[in-house]
C-alpha atoms as a PDB file:
ATOM      1  CA  UNK A   1      -7.620  -1.233   8.429  1.00  0.00           C
ATOM      2  CA  UNK A   2      -4.312  -1.388  11.030  1.00  0.00           C
ATOM      3  CA  UNK A   3      -5.647   1.520  12.816  1.00  0.00           C
ATOM      4  CA  UNK A   4      -9.546   0.688  12.728  1.00  0.00           C
ATOM      5  CA  UNK A   5      -8.988  -2.981  14.077  1.00  0.00           C
ATOM      6  CA  UNK A   6      -6.412  -1.502  16.971  1.00  0.00           C
ATOM      7  CA  UNK A   7      -9.807   1.202  17.491  1.00  0.00           C
ATOM      8  CA  UNK A   8     -11.452  -2.441  17.988  1.00  0.00           C
ATOM      9  CA  UNK A   9      -9.415  -4.480  19.711  1.00  0.00           C
ATOM     10  CA  UNK A  10     -11.779  -5.644  22.165  1.00  0.00           C
ATOM     11  CA  UNK A  11     -13.846  -7.330  19.385  1.00  0.00           C
ATOM     12  CA  UNK A  12     -10.236  -9.711  18.124  1.00  0.00           C
ATOM     13  CA  UNK A  13      -9.585 -10.281  22.327  1.00  0.00           C
ATOM     14  CA  UNK A  14     -13.235 -11.260  22.676  1.00  0.00           C
ATOM     15  CA  UNK A  15     -12.202 -14.428  19.864  1.00  0.00           C
ATOM     16  CA  UNK A  16      -9.421 -14.977  21.785  1.00  0.00           C
ATOM     17  CA  UNK A  17      -6.917 -13.350  18.512  1.00  0.00           C
ATOM     18  CA  UNK A  18      -4.630 -10.770  18.872  1.00  0.00           C
ATOM     19  CA  UNK A  19      -5.138  -7.539  17.085  1.00  0.00           C
ATOM     20  CA  UNK A  20      -1.673  -7.169  15.801  1.00  0.00           C
ATOM     21  CA  UNK A  21      -0.553 -10.402  14.971  1.00  0.00           C
ATOM     22  CA  UNK A  22      -3.733 -10.760  13.223  1.00  0.00           C
ATOM     23  CA  UNK A  23      -3.203  -7.335  11.038  1.00  0.00           C
ATOM     24  CA  UNK A  24       0.206  -8.098  10.509  1.00  0.00           C
ATOM     25  CA  UNK A  25      -0.885 -11.472   9.283  1.00  0.00           C
ATOM     26  CA  UNK A  26      -3.356  -9.808   7.345  1.00  0.00           C
ATOM     27  CA  UNK A  27      -0.836  -7.050   5.779  1.00  0.00           C
ATOM     28  CA  UNK A  28       1.682 -10.115   5.192  1.00  0.00           C
ATOM     29  CA  UNK A  29      -0.957 -12.565   3.063  1.00  0.00           C
ATOM     30  CA  UNK A  30      -2.082  -9.617   0.729  1.00  0.00           C
ATOM     31  CA  UNK A  31       0.969  -8.375  -0.155  1.00  0.00           C
ATOM     32  CA  UNK A  32       1.801 -11.511  -1.419  1.00  0.00           C
ATOM     33  CA  UNK A  33      -1.559 -11.509  -3.178  1.00  0.00           C
ATOM     34  CA  UNK A  34      -0.894  -7.708  -4.465  1.00  0.00           C
ATOM     35  CA  UNK A  35       3.117  -8.606  -5.182  1.00  0.00           C
ATOM     36  CA  UNK A  36       1.586 -11.385  -7.755  1.00  0.00           C
ATOM     37  CA  UNK A  37       0.196  -8.148  -9.974  1.00  0.00           C
ATOM     38  CA  UNK A  38       2.386  -5.308  -9.056  1.00  0.00           C
ATOM     39  CA  UNK A  39       5.949  -5.173 -10.488  1.00  0.00           C
ATOM     40  CA  UNK A  40       7.063  -3.729  -6.100  1.00  0.00           C
ATOM     41  CA  UNK A  41       4.968  -3.592  -2.988  1.00  0.00           C
ATOM     42  CA  UNK A  42       5.857  -2.156   0.311  1.00  0.00           C
ATOM     43  CA  UNK A  43       8.316  -4.716   2.262  1.00  0.00           C
ATOM     44  CA  UNK A  44       5.477  -5.237   4.973  1.00  0.00           C
ATOM     45  CA  UNK A  45       8.596  -7.957   6.814  1.00  0.00           C
ATOM     46  CA  UNK A  46      10.841  -4.205   7.114  1.00  0.00           C
ATOM     47  CA  UNK A  47      10.404  -3.772  11.113  1.00  0.00           C
ATOM     48  CA  UNK A  48      10.294  -0.445  10.153  1.00  0.00           C
ATOM     49  CA  UNK A  49       7.024  -0.535   8.380  1.00  0.00           C
ATOM     50  CA  UNK A  50       5.097  -2.174  11.876  1.00  0.00           C
ATOM     51  CA  UNK A  51       6.596   0.886  14.232  1.00  0.00           C
ATOM     52  CA  UNK A  52       5.272   3.053  12.104  1.00  0.00           C
ATOM     53  CA  UNK A  53       2.544   1.528  11.799  1.00  0.00           C
ATOM     54  CA  UNK A  54       2.057   1.265  15.813  1.00  0.00           C
ATOM     55  CA  UNK A  55       3.261   4.857  15.925  1.00  0.00           C
ATOM     56  CA  UNK A  56       0.258   5.944  14.135  1.00  0.00           C
ATOM     57  CA  UNK A  57      -1.780   3.590  16.188  1.00  0.00           C
ATOM     58  CA  UNK A  58      -0.748   6.114  19.538  1.00  0.00           C
ATOM     59  CA  UNK A  59      -1.376   9.354  17.626  1.00  0.00           C
ATOM     60  CA  UNK A  60      -4.867   8.088  16.457  1.00  0.00           C
ATOM     61  CA  UNK A  61      -5.606   7.305  20.090  1.00  0.00           C
ATOM     62  CA  UNK A  62      -4.104  11.051  21.100  1.00  0.00           C
ATOM     63  CA  UNK A  63      -6.321  11.832  18.341  1.00  0.00           C
ATOM     64  CA  UNK A  64      -9.330  10.238  19.881  1.00  0.00           C
ATOM     65  CA  UNK A  65      -8.938  11.178  23.190  1.00  0.00           C
ATOM     66  CA  UNK A  66      -8.467  15.399  22.052  1.00  0.00           C
ATOM     67  CA  UNK A  67     -11.389  14.917  20.134  1.00  0.00           C
ATOM     68  CA  UNK A  68     -13.347  13.697  23.290  1.00  0.00           C
ATOM     69  CA  UNK A  69     -12.177  15.661  25.543  1.00  0.00           C
ATOM     70  CA  UNK A  70     -14.020  18.864  26.686  1.00  0.00           C
ATOM     71  CA  UNK A  71     -11.964  21.725  25.404  1.00  0.00           C
ATOM     72  CA  UNK A  72     -12.880  24.248  23.572  1.00  0.00           C
ATOM     73  CA  UNK A  73     -13.361  22.832  19.767  1.00  0.00           C
ATOM     74  CA  UNK A  74     -10.210  25.537  19.007  1.00  0.00           C
ATOM     75  CA  UNK A  75      -8.190  24.301  21.349  1.00  0.00           C
ATOM     76  CA  UNK A  76      -8.610  20.869  19.940  1.00  0.00           C
ATOM     77  CA  UNK A  77      -7.845  22.216  16.796  1.00  0.00           C
ATOM     78  CA  UNK A  78      -4.599  23.803  17.706  1.00  0.00           C
ATOM     79  CA  UNK A  79      -3.880  20.810  20.014  1.00  0.00           C
ATOM     80  CA  UNK A  80      -4.059  18.233  16.373  1.00  0.00           C
ATOM     81  CA  UNK A  81      -2.268  19.841  14.394  1.00  0.00           C
ATOM     82  CA  UNK A  82       1.325  19.270  15.691  1.00  0.00           C
ATOM     83  CA  UNK A  83       0.053  14.974  15.691  1.00  0.00           C
ATOM     84  CA  UNK A  84      -1.430  15.537  12.042  1.00  0.00           C
ATOM     85  CA  UNK A  85       1.881  16.748  10.939  1.00  0.00           C
ATOM     86  CA  UNK A  86       3.871  13.582  12.784  1.00  0.00           C
ATOM     87  CA  UNK A  87       0.618  11.431  10.648  1.00  0.00           C
ATOM     88  CA  UNK A  88       1.181  12.308   7.239  1.00  0.00           C
ATOM     89  CA  UNK A  89       4.903  12.136   8.176  1.00  0.00           C
ATOM     90  CA  UNK A  90       4.827   8.430   9.269  1.00  0.00           C
ATOM     91  CA  UNK A  91       2.123   7.949   5.871  1.00  0.00           C
ATOM     92  CA  UNK A  92       4.594   9.702   3.752  1.00  0.00           C
ATOM     93  CA  UNK A  93       8.120   7.499   5.168  1.00  0.00           C
ATOM     94  CA  UNK A  94       5.688   4.434   4.340  1.00  0.00           C
ATOM     95  CA  UNK A  95       5.320   5.574   1.062  1.00  0.00           C
ATOM     96  CA  UNK A  96       9.432   6.299   0.498  1.00  0.00           C
ATOM     97  CA  UNK A  97      10.291   2.929   2.481  1.00  0.00           C
ATOM     98  CA  UNK A  98      12.082   0.140  -0.369  1.00  0.00           C
ATOM     99  CA  UNK A  99      10.105  -2.001  -1.999  1.00  0.00           C
ATOM    100  CA  UNK A 100      10.498  -5.177  -2.477  1.00  0.00           C
ATOM    101  CA  UNK A 101      10.347  -7.095  -6.406  1.00  0.00           C
ATOM    102  CA  UNK A 102       7.139  -8.880  -6.495  1.00  0.00           C
ATOM    103  CA  UNK A 103       6.222 -11.549  -8.741  1.00  0.00           C
ATOM    104  CA  UNK A 104       4.559 -10.522 -11.632  1.00  0.00           C
ATOM    105  CA  UNK A 105       5.877 -10.924 -15.362  1.00  0.00           C
ATOM    106  CA  UNK A 106       4.969  -9.768 -18.719  1.00  0.00           C
ATOM    107  CA  UNK A 107       3.167 -12.043 -20.809  1.00  0.00           C
ATOM    108  CA  UNK A 108       3.846 -11.656 -24.616  1.00  0.00           C
ATOM    109  CA  UNK A 109       0.907 -10.185 -26.999  1.00  0.00           C
ATOM    110  CA  UNK A 110      -0.148 -12.837 -29.025  1.00  0.00           C
ATOM    111  CA  UNK A 111      -0.216 -15.329 -26.203  1.00  0.00           C
ATOM    112  CA  UNK A 112      -2.666 -14.142 -24.231  1.00  0.00           C
ATOM    113  CA  UNK A 113      -6.578 -14.791 -25.377  1.00  0.00           C
ATOM    114  CA  UNK A 114      -9.793 -13.873 -23.362  1.00  0.00           C
ATOM    115  CA  UNK A 115     -11.602 -16.963 -22.160  1.00  0.00           C
ATOM    116  CA  UNK A 116     -14.580 -17.401 -20.159  1.00  0.00           C
END
Protein backbone atom coordinates (compact mmCIF):
# COMPACT_ATOMS: atom_id res chain seq x y z
CA UNK A 1 0.00 0.00 0.00
CA UNK A 2 2.69 2.49 1.04
CA UNK A 3 4.74 1.95 -2.13
CA UNK A 4 1.72 1.83 -4.41
CA UNK A 5 0.21 5.01 -2.99
CA UNK A 6 3.51 6.86 -3.29
CA UNK A 7 3.62 5.98 -6.99
CA UNK A 8 0.27 7.71 -7.32
CA UNK A 9 0.76 10.56 -4.86
CA UNK A 10 -0.76 13.06 -7.29
CA UNK A 11 -4.17 11.50 -6.55
CA UNK A 12 -3.85 12.20 -2.83
CA UNK A 13 -2.45 15.68 -3.49
CA UNK A 14 -5.46 16.42 -5.73
CA UNK A 15 -7.63 15.59 -2.71
CA UNK A 16 -5.56 17.97 -0.57
CA UNK A 17 -3.94 15.14 1.37
CA UNK A 18 -0.34 14.30 2.14
CA UNK A 19 0.33 10.78 0.87
CA UNK A 20 2.82 9.86 3.58
CA UNK A 21 0.72 11.27 6.40
CA UNK A 22 -2.40 9.50 5.14
CA UNK A 23 -0.59 6.18 4.70
CA UNK A 24 0.97 6.33 8.15
CA UNK A 25 -2.45 7.05 9.65
CA UNK A 26 -3.95 4.05 7.84
CA UNK A 27 -1.04 1.83 8.92
CA UNK A 28 -1.36 2.93 12.56
CA UNK A 29 -5.12 2.35 12.61
CA UNK A 30 -4.82 -1.00 10.83
CA UNK A 31 -2.13 -2.04 13.28
CA UNK A 32 -4.43 -1.20 16.20
CA UNK A 33 -7.12 -3.42 14.71
CA UNK A 34 -4.68 -6.24 13.99
CA UNK A 35 -3.37 -5.94 17.54
CA UNK A 36 -6.78 -7.03 18.81
CA UNK A 37 -6.35 -10.37 17.07
CA UNK A 38 -2.63 -11.09 17.20
CA UNK A 39 -0.47 -11.16 20.32
CA UNK A 40 2.29 -9.08 18.71
CA UNK A 41 2.31 -6.50 15.93
CA UNK A 42 4.95 -4.45 14.16
CA UNK A 43 5.76 -1.16 15.87
CA UNK A 44 4.50 1.36 13.33
CA UNK A 45 5.37 4.22 15.70
CA UNK A 46 9.05 3.27 15.74
CA UNK A 47 10.87 5.86 13.55
CA UNK A 48 12.84 3.00 11.98
CA UNK A 49 9.59 1.63 10.50
CA UNK A 50 8.86 4.79 8.48
CA UNK A 51 12.53 5.24 7.56
CA UNK A 52 12.60 1.78 6.04
CA UNK A 53 9.33 2.35 4.17
CA UNK A 54 10.66 5.64 2.78
CA UNK A 55 13.86 3.89 1.76
CA UNK A 56 11.82 1.30 -0.14
CA UNK A 57 9.85 4.11 -1.85
CA UNK A 58 13.14 5.60 -3.07
CA UNK A 59 14.36 2.20 -4.29
CA UNK A 60 11.03 1.58 -6.01
CA UNK A 61 11.44 4.89 -7.90
CA UNK A 62 14.94 3.82 -8.95
CA UNK A 63 13.60 0.48 -10.21
CA UNK A 64 10.85 2.25 -12.16
CA UNK A 65 13.35 4.66 -13.73
CA UNK A 66 15.59 1.79 -14.78
CA UNK A 67 12.59 -0.08 -16.21
CA UNK A 68 11.58 2.94 -18.28
CA UNK A 69 15.10 3.58 -19.59
CA UNK A 70 16.19 2.74 -23.12
CA UNK A 71 19.02 0.52 -21.90
CA UNK A 72 19.20 -3.07 -23.14
CA UNK A 73 17.26 -5.54 -20.99
CA UNK A 74 20.41 -7.25 -19.73
CA UNK A 75 21.76 -3.90 -18.51
CA UNK A 76 18.46 -3.08 -16.85
CA UNK A 77 18.55 -6.40 -15.03
CA UNK A 78 22.11 -5.85 -13.87
CA UNK A 79 21.28 -2.34 -12.69
CA UNK A 80 18.25 -3.59 -10.77
CA UNK A 81 20.02 -6.43 -8.94
CA UNK A 82 21.71 -4.40 -6.16
CA UNK A 83 18.57 -2.32 -5.65
CA UNK A 84 16.43 -5.45 -5.34
CA UNK A 85 18.95 -6.92 -2.89
CA UNK A 86 18.75 -3.76 -0.77
CA UNK A 87 14.95 -3.82 -1.01
CA UNK A 88 14.87 -7.40 0.27
CA UNK A 89 17.21 -6.33 3.06
CA UNK A 90 14.79 -3.59 4.09
CA UNK A 91 11.87 -6.04 4.07
CA UNK A 92 13.86 -8.45 6.20
CA UNK A 93 14.80 -5.67 8.62
CA UNK A 94 11.12 -4.72 8.94
CA UNK A 95 10.24 -8.35 9.60
CA UNK A 96 12.92 -8.59 12.28
CA UNK A 97 11.99 -5.38 14.08
CA UNK A 98 11.06 -5.85 17.72
CA UNK A 99 7.26 -6.17 17.83
CA UNK A 100 4.94 -4.58 20.35
CA UNK A 101 2.42 -6.49 22.41
CA UNK A 102 -1.07 -6.71 20.96
CA UNK A 103 -4.27 -6.60 22.95
CA UNK A 104 -5.33 -10.22 22.61
CA UNK A 105 -6.62 -12.34 25.41
CA UNK A 106 -7.46 -15.99 25.78
CA UNK A 107 -11.00 -17.12 26.30
CA UNK A 108 -11.77 -20.25 28.26
CA UNK A 109 -13.11 -22.90 25.91
CA UNK A 110 -16.26 -23.45 27.94
CA UNK A 111 -17.16 -19.72 27.79
CA UNK A 112 -17.27 -19.40 24.03
CA UNK A 113 -20.35 -20.05 22.00
CA UNK A 114 -21.31 -19.48 18.40
CA UNK A 115 -24.06 -16.88 18.16
CA UNK A 116 -26.22 -15.91 15.23
